[in-house]
Amino acid sequence: MPRIINPDLCVSCGSCAGVCPVGAITEGEASYVINAEECIDCGACEGTCPSEAITEA
């Protein structure tokens, strides 16, 4: 199951986008977002998020 980013917790630092091996994370209007179709659920992004905004969907 792909990961999701809670927009209420995301601080828009971009650390998650830099570690995504498939480029599934992009900057949205209010926060970063994960494309569920591209996400391979590796979890690399979850460990780098300083605000713990990334969780399993």
PDB file of N, CA and C in Angstrom:
ATOM      1  N   MET A   1       0.845  -1.174   0.000  1.00  0.00           N
ATOM      2  CA  MET A   1       0.000   0.000   0.000  1.00  0.00           C
ATOM      3  C   MET A   1       0.893   1.241   0.000  1.00  0.00           C
ATOM      4  N   PRO A   2       0.624   2.208  -0.855  1.00  0.00           N
ATOM      5  CA  PRO A   2       1.482   3.393  -0.942  1.00  0.00           C
ATOM      6  C   PRO A   2       1.402   4.269   0.304  1.00  0.00           C
ATOM      7  N   ARG A   3       2.397   5.070   0.482  1.00  0.00           N
ATOM      8  CA  ARG A   3       2.440   6.027   1.600  1.00  0.00           C
ATOM      9  C   ARG A   3       1.650   7.267   1.225  1.00  0.00           C
ATOM     10  N   ILE A   4       1.256   8.034   2.245  1.00  0.00           N
ATOM     11  CA  ILE A   4       0.591   9.318   2.029  1.00  0.00           C
ATOM     12  C   ILE A   4       1.252  10.364   2.913  1.00  0.00           C
ATOM     13  N   ILE A   5       1.099  11.619   2.521  1.00  0.00           N
ATOM     14  CA  ILE A   5       1.629  12.723   3.310  1.00  0.00           C
ATOM     15  C   ILE A   5       0.452  13.515   3.852  1.00  0.00           C
ATOM     16  N   ASN A   6       0.403  13.661   5.159  1.00  0.00           N
ATOM     17  CA  ASN A   6      -0.646  14.450   5.795  1.00  0.00           C
ATOM     18  C   ASN A   6      -0.317  15.923   5.571  1.00  0.00           C
ATOM     19  N   PRO A   7      -1.138  16.643   4.808  1.00  0.00           N
ATOM     20  CA  PRO A   7      -0.831  18.043   4.508  1.00  0.00           C
ATOM     21  C   PRO A   7      -0.863  18.951   5.742  1.00  0.00           C
ATOM     22  N   ASP A   8      -1.566  18.537   6.784  1.00  0.00           N
ATOM     23  CA  ASP A   8      -1.621  19.339   8.013  1.00  0.00           C
ATOM     24  C   ASP A   8      -0.318  19.254   8.804  1.00  0.00           C
ATOM     25  N   LEU A   9       0.450  18.184   8.599  1.00  0.00           N
ATOM     26  CA  LEU A   9       1.707  18.002   9.324  1.00  0.00           C
ATOM     27  C   LEU A   9       2.936  18.340   8.495  1.00  0.00           C
ATOM     28  N   CYS A  10       2.814  18.292   7.170  1.00  0.00           N
ATOM     29  CA  CYS A  10       3.949  18.537   6.283  1.00  0.00           C
ATOM     30  C   CYS A  10       4.462  19.971   6.428  1.00  0.00           C
ATOM     31  N   VAL A  11       5.776  20.110   6.606  1.00  0.00           N
ATOM     32  CA  VAL A  11       6.396  21.430   6.726  1.00  0.00           C
ATOM     33  C   VAL A  11       7.052  21.870   5.418  1.00  0.00           C
ATOM     34  N   SER A  12       6.818  21.122   4.351  1.00  0.00           N
ATOM     35  CA  SER A  12       7.309  21.441   2.998  1.00  0.00           C
ATOM     36  C   SER A  12       8.819  21.623   2.928  1.00  0.00           C
ATOM     37  N   CYS A  13       9.558  20.754   3.618  1.00  0.00           N
ATOM     38  CA  CYS A  13      11.015  20.856   3.597  1.00  0.00           C
ATOM     39  C   CYS A  13      11.627  20.149   2.391  1.00  0.00           C
ATOM     40  N   GLY A  14      10.910  19.143   1.843  1.00  0.00           N
ATOM     41  CA  GLY A  14      11.393  18.442   0.662  1.00  0.00           C
ATOM     42  C   GLY A  14      12.356  17.304   0.922  1.00  0.00           C
ATOM     43  N   SER A  15      12.637  17.008   2.180  1.00  0.00           N
ATOM     44  CA  SER A  15      13.584  15.923   2.470  1.00  0.00           C
ATOM     45  C   SER A  15      13.086  14.585   1.938  1.00  0.00           C
ATOM     46  N   CYS A  16      11.785  14.379   1.920  1.00  0.00           N
ATOM     47  CA  CYS A  16      11.217  13.115   1.436  1.00  0.00           C
ATOM     48  C   CYS A  16      11.412  12.950  -0.071  1.00  0.00           C
ATOM     49  N   ALA A  17      11.255  14.026  -0.801  1.00  0.00           N
ATOM     50  CA  ALA A  17      11.383  13.961  -2.262  1.00  0.00           C
ATOM     51  C   ALA A  17      12.798  13.577  -2.681  1.00  0.00           C
ATOM     52  N   GLY A  18      13.773  14.014  -1.923  1.00  0.00           N
ATOM     53  CA  GLY A  18      15.164  13.734  -2.252  1.00  0.00           C
ATOM     54  C   GLY A  18      15.574  12.284  -2.089  1.00  0.00           C
ATOM     55  N   VAL A  19      14.844  11.523  -1.273  1.00  0.00           N
ATOM     56  CA  VAL A  19      15.219  10.128  -1.044  1.00  0.00           C
ATOM     57  C   VAL A  19      14.336   9.131  -1.790  1.00  0.00           C
ATOM     58  N   CYS A  20      13.285   9.588  -2.436  1.00  0.00           N
ATOM     59  CA  CYS A  20      12.379   8.681  -3.143  1.00  0.00           C
ATOM     60  C   CYS A  20      13.080   8.103  -4.379  1.00  0.00           C
ATOM     61  N   PRO A  21      13.268   6.773  -4.426  1.00  0.00           N
ATOM     62  CA  PRO A  21      14.012   6.174  -5.529  1.00  0.00           C
ATOM     63  C   PRO A  21      13.279   6.182  -6.867  1.00  0.00           C
ATOM     64  N   VAL A  22      11.977   6.423  -6.859  1.00  0.00           N
ATOM     65  CA  VAL A  22      11.220   6.419  -8.113  1.00  0.00           C
ATOM     66  C   VAL A  22      10.627   7.785  -8.463  1.00  0.00           C
ATOM     67  N   GLY A  23      10.919   8.804  -7.679  1.00  0.00           N
ATOM     68  CA  GLY A  23      10.433  10.150  -7.964  1.00  0.00           C
ATOM     69  C   GLY A  23       8.930  10.313  -7.809  1.00  0.00           C
ATOM     70  N   ALA A  24       8.332   9.570  -6.877  1.00  0.00           N
ATOM     71  CA  ALA A  24       6.881   9.616  -6.690  1.00  0.00           C
ATOM     72  C   ALA A  24       6.419  10.805  -5.856  1.00  0.00           C
ATOM     73  N   ILE A  25       7.352  11.549  -5.279  1.00  0.00           N
ATOM     74  CA  ILE A  25       6.992  12.669  -4.411  1.00  0.00           C
ATOM     75  C   ILE A  25       7.288  13.980  -5.119  1.00  0.00           C
ATOM     76  N   THR A  26       6.271  14.835  -5.166  1.00  0.00           N
ATOM     77  CA  THR A  26       6.416  16.149  -5.795  1.00  0.00           C
ATOM     78  C   THR A  26       5.847  17.227  -4.880  1.00  0.00           C
ATOM     79  N   GLU A  27       6.237  18.453  -5.146  1.00  0.00           N
ATOM     80  CA  GLU A  27       5.735  19.568  -4.359  1.00  0.00           C
ATOM     81  C   GLU A  27       4.351  19.956  -4.846  1.00  0.00           C
ATOM     82  N   GLY A  28       3.398  19.965  -3.931  1.00  0.00           N
ATOM     83  CA  GLY A  28       2.035  20.378  -4.249  1.00  0.00           C
ATOM     84  C   GLY A  28       1.829  21.825  -3.863  1.00  0.00           C
ATOM     85  N   GLU A  29       0.582  22.269  -3.882  1.00  0.00           N
ATOM     86  CA  GLU A  29       0.280  23.668  -3.543  1.00  0.00           C
ATOM     87  C   GLU A  29       0.536  23.979  -2.070  1.00  0.00           C
ATOM     88  N   ALA A  30       0.081  23.090  -1.177  1.00  0.00           N
ATOM     89  CA  ALA A  30       0.206  23.354   0.254  1.00  0.00           C
ATOM     90  C   ALA A  30       1.249  22.476   0.942  1.00  0.00           C
ATOM     91  N   SER A  31       1.594  21.349   0.336  1.00  0.00           N
ATOM     92  CA  SER A  31       2.556  20.414   0.920  1.00  0.00           C
ATOM     93  C   SER A  31       3.080  19.502  -0.179  1.00  0.00           C
ATOM     94  N   TYR A  32       3.996  18.630   0.192  1.00  0.00           N
ATOM     95  CA  TYR A  32       4.458  17.629  -0.770  1.00  0.00           C
ATOM     96  C   TYR A  32       3.397  16.537  -0.874  1.00  0.00           C
ATOM     97  N   VAL A  33       3.343  15.870  -2.021  1.00  0.00           N
ATOM     98  CA  VAL A  33       2.358  14.815  -2.251  1.00  0.00           C
ATOM     99  C   VAL A  33       3.048  13.592  -2.851  1.00  0.00           C
ATOM    100  N   ILE A  34       2.465  12.422  -2.586  1.00  0.00           N
ATOM    101  CA  ILE A  34       2.987  11.170  -3.116  1.00  0.00           C
ATOM    102  C   ILE A  34       2.016  10.638  -4.158  1.00  0.00           C
ATOM    103  N   ASN A  35       2.529  10.361  -5.345  1.00  0.00           N
ATOM    104  CA  ASN A  35       1.713   9.780  -6.407  1.00  0.00           C
ATOM    105  C   ASN A  35       1.557   8.294  -6.093  1.00  0.00           C
ATOM    106  N   ALA A  36       0.335   7.890  -5.761  1.00  0.00           N
ATOM    107  CA  ALA A  36       0.065   6.514  -5.342  1.00  0.00           C
ATOM    108  C   ALA A  36       0.366   5.498  -6.434  1.00  0.00           C
ATOM    109  N   GLU A  37       0.250   5.888  -7.674  1.00  0.00           N
ATOM    110  CA  GLU A  37       0.517   4.965  -8.778  1.00  0.00           C
ATOM    111  C   GLU A  37       2.006   4.732  -8.984  1.00  0.00           C
ATOM    112  N   GLU A  38       2.841   5.668  -8.567  1.00  0.00           N
ATOM    113  CA  GLU A  38       4.284   5.546  -8.735  1.00  0.00           C
ATOM    114  C   GLU A  38       4.981   5.010  -7.484  1.00  0.00           C
ATOM    115  N   CYS A  39       4.371   5.189  -6.322  1.00  0.00           N
ATOM    116  CA  CYS A  39       4.973   4.793  -5.049  1.00  0.00           C
ATOM    117  C   CYS A  39       5.163   3.274  -4.999  1.00  0.00           C
ATOM    118  N   ILE A  40       6.373   2.834  -4.629  1.00  0.00           N
ATOM    119  CA  ILE A  40       6.658   1.401  -4.516  1.00  0.00           C
ATOM    120  C   ILE A  40       6.643   0.945  -3.053  1.00  0.00           C
ATOM    121  N   ASP A  41       6.231   1.819  -2.159  1.00  0.00           N
ATOM    122  CA  ASP A  41       6.073   1.520  -0.741  1.00  0.00           C
ATOM    123  C   ASP A  41       7.360   1.016  -0.095  1.00  0.00           C
ATOM    124  N   CYS A  42       8.456   1.656  -0.414  1.00  0.00           N
ATOM    125  CA  CYS A  42       9.738   1.246   0.161  1.00  0.00           C
ATOM    126  C   CYS A  42       9.948   1.816   1.560  1.00  0.00           C
ATOM    127  N   GLY A  43       9.281   2.931   1.878  1.00  0.00           N
ATOM    128  CA  GLY A  43       9.382   3.541   3.194  1.00  0.00           C
ATOM    129  C   GLY A  43      10.560   4.473   3.388  1.00  0.00           C
ATOM    130  N   ALA A  44      11.368   4.685   2.371  1.00  0.00           N
ATOM    131  CA  ALA A  44      12.540   5.549   2.507  1.00  0.00           C
ATOM    132  C   ALA A  44      12.157   6.967   2.920  1.00  0.00           C
ATOM    133  N   CYS A  45      11.057   7.443   2.416  1.00  0.00           N
ATOM    134  CA  CYS A  45      10.622   8.806   2.705  1.00  0.00           C
ATOM    135  C   CYS A  45      10.167   8.977   4.151  1.00  0.00           C
ATOM    136  N   GLU A  46       9.539   7.957   4.689  1.00  0.00           N
ATOM    137  CA  GLU A  46       8.972   8.047   6.035  1.00  0.00           C
ATOM    138  C   GLU A  46      10.038   8.343   7.084  1.00  0.00           C
ATOM    139  N   GLY A  47      11.184   7.739   6.948  1.00  0.00           N
ATOM    140  CA  GLY A  47      12.256   7.932   7.919  1.00  0.00           C
ATOM    141  C   GLY A  47      12.931   9.285   7.850  1.00  0.00           C
ATOM    142  N   THR A  48      12.779   9.995   6.742  1.00  0.00           N
ATOM    143  CA  THR A  48      13.446  11.296   6.608  1.00  0.00           C
ATOM    144  C   THR A  48      12.544  12.466   6.957  1.00  0.00           C
ATOM    145  N   CYS A  49      11.269  12.229   7.160  1.00  0.00           N
ATOM    146  CA  CYS A  49      10.321  13.312   7.431  1.00  0.00           C
ATOM    147  C   CYS A  49      10.473  13.810   8.867  1.00  0.00           C
ATOM    148  N   PRO A  50      10.870  15.076   9.051  1.00  0.00           N
ATOM    149  CA  PRO A  50      11.082  15.590  10.406  1.00  0.00           C
ATOM    150  C   PRO A  50       9.781  15.822  11.173  1.00  0.00           C
ATOM    151  N   SER A  51       8.655  15.904  10.474  1.00  0.00           N
ATOM    152  CA  SER A  51       7.390  16.174  11.152  1.00  0.00           C
ATOM    153  C   SER A  51       6.481  14.952  11.229  1.00  0.00           C
ATOM    154  N   GLU A  52       7.020  13.795  10.836  1.00  0.00           N
ATOM    155  CA  GLU A  52       6.271  12.538  10.869  1.00  0.00           C
ATOM    156  C   GLU A  52       4.935  12.641  10.132  1.00  0.00           C
ATOM    157  N   ALA A  53       4.945  13.317   8.983  1.00  0.00           N
ATOM    158  CA  ALA A  53       3.734  13.527   8.185  1.00  0.00           C
ATOM    159  C   ALA A  53       3.449  12.371   7.234  1.00  0.00           C
ATOM    160  N   ILE A  54       4.394  11.454   7.064  1.00  0.00           N
ATOM    161  CA  ILE A  54       4.239  10.365   6.096  1.00  0.00           C
ATOM    162  C   ILE A  54       3.846   9.075   6.812  1.00  0.00           C
ATOM    163  N   THR A  55       2.762   8.470   6.336  1.00  0.00           N
ATOM    164  CA  THR A  55       2.271   7.220   6.915  1.00  0.00           C
ATOM    165  C   THR A  55       1.797   6.297   5.797  1.00  0.00           C
ATOM    166  N   GLU A  56       1.501   5.064   6.166  1.00  0.00           N
ATOM    167  CA  GLU A  56       0.902   4.148   5.204  1.00  0.00           C
ATOM    168  C   GLU A  56      -0.520   4.595   4.936  1.00  0.00           C
ATOM    169  N   ALA A  57      -0.967   4.416   3.693  1.00  0.00           N
ATOM    170  CA  ALA A  57      -2.323   4.841   3.318  1.00  0.00           C
ATOM    171  C   ALA A  57      -3.359   3.973   3.973  1.00  0.00           C
TER     172      ALA A  57
END
